[in-house]
Protein backbone atom coordinates (compact mmCIF):
# COMPACT_ATOMS: atom_id res chain seq x y z
CA MET A 1 -12.72 -7.56 -15.76
CA PRO A 2 -14.12 -11.09 -15.92
CA ARG A 3 -11.52 -13.98 -17.66
CA ASP A 4 -12.06 -13.57 -21.91
CA PRO A 5 -14.17 -16.63 -23.03
CA GLN A 6 -12.85 -16.65 -26.73
CA THR A 7 -9.40 -17.27 -25.28
CA ALA A 8 -8.45 -20.77 -26.15
CA ASN A 9 -6.98 -21.96 -23.11
CA GLU A 10 -8.18 -21.26 -19.64
CA GLU A 11 -4.79 -21.04 -18.42
CA ASP A 12 -3.63 -18.37 -20.80
CA TRP A 13 -6.85 -16.00 -19.94
CA TRP A 14 -4.28 -13.12 -19.30
CA ARG A 15 -3.02 -12.86 -22.67
CA ALA A 16 -6.80 -11.05 -23.40
CA ILE A 17 -6.21 -8.71 -20.65
CA ILE A 18 -5.66 -5.02 -21.89
CA VAL A 19 -3.10 -2.80 -20.38
CA PRO A 20 -5.24 0.37 -18.92
CA PHE A 21 -2.42 2.56 -18.60
CA GLY A 22 0.59 4.48 -19.85
CA GLN A 23 2.78 3.96 -22.88
CA HIS A 24 1.50 0.16 -23.68
CA GLU A 25 -2.40 1.28 -22.99
CA GLY A 26 -4.54 -0.71 -25.27
CA THR A 27 -2.28 -3.91 -25.89
CA THR A 28 -3.19 -6.84 -24.57
CA LEU A 29 -0.49 -8.65 -22.63
CA GLY A 30 -0.25 -11.55 -25.01
CA GLU A 31 1.14 -8.98 -27.32
CA LEU A 32 3.72 -7.42 -25.23
CA PRO A 33 7.23 -8.29 -25.77
CA LYS A 34 8.31 -10.88 -22.85
CA ASN A 35 10.67 -7.85 -21.11
CA THR A 36 8.21 -5.63 -20.80
CA LEU A 37 5.89 -7.91 -19.46
CA PHE A 38 8.23 -9.24 -16.75
CA GLY A 39 8.12 -5.53 -15.67
CA PHE A 40 4.91 -5.10 -15.31
CA TRP A 41 4.88 -8.66 -13.40
CA ALA A 42 7.66 -7.79 -10.93
CA ASN A 43 6.27 -3.84 -10.17
CA TYR A 44 3.36 -2.85 -10.60
CA GLU A 45 0.59 -2.95 -7.28
CA PRO A 46 -2.85 -2.06 -7.20
CA ARG A 47 -3.36 1.04 -5.16
CA GLU A 48 -6.10 2.37 -3.12
CA TYR A 49 -8.15 5.04 -4.32
CA LYS A 50 -10.84 6.27 -2.19
CA GLY A 51 -9.91 3.92 0.55
CA ARG A 52 -10.23 0.36 -1.86
CA ILE A 53 -8.57 -1.22 -5.06
CA LYS A 54 -10.83 -1.50 -8.19
CA ASP A 55 -11.42 -4.54 -9.37
CA SER A 56 -9.85 -4.18 -12.82
CA ASP A 57 -6.87 -3.22 -11.15
CA GLU A 58 -7.20 -6.44 -8.93
CA THR A 59 -7.67 -8.46 -12.09
CA PHE A 60 -5.24 -6.98 -14.41
CA ARG A 61 -2.79 -8.31 -10.72
CA GLU A 62 -3.89 -11.64 -11.26
CA ALA A 63 -3.04 -11.73 -15.16
CA LEU A 64 0.41 -10.84 -14.37
CA ASP A 65 0.76 -13.26 -11.54
CA ASP A 66 -0.69 -15.95 -14.15
CA ALA A 67 1.82 -14.64 -16.48
CA GLY A 68 4.74 -14.65 -14.43
CA GLU A 69 3.82 -18.69 -13.99
CA HIS A 70 3.29 -18.96 -17.62
CA TYR A 71 6.97 -17.84 -18.13
CA LYS A 72 8.51 -18.77 -14.92
CA PHE A 73 9.74 -15.12 -13.68
CA LYS A 74 11.66 -14.59 -10.90
CA THR A 75 12.66 -11.98 -8.83
CA PRO A 76 16.34 -11.46 -8.00
CA GLU A 77 15.45 -12.72 -4.46
CA ASP A 78 14.34 -16.17 -5.60
């Protein structure tokens, strides 16, 4: 998933990334409540399938990392 060129602020590219699974499937990360976004950020890990990780899964993780930086999310260990 490439970064969305329509995103006004390149730092906020992650807001246009769509959740690819679960109850929030089809929702952009920018539309999620902050606590739900935190849950994805804290718990989502791309998984290998047939020996590799899909590019879209890696992009979703990168988007979550950028969202976490934006909101300054911290784990209990931080």
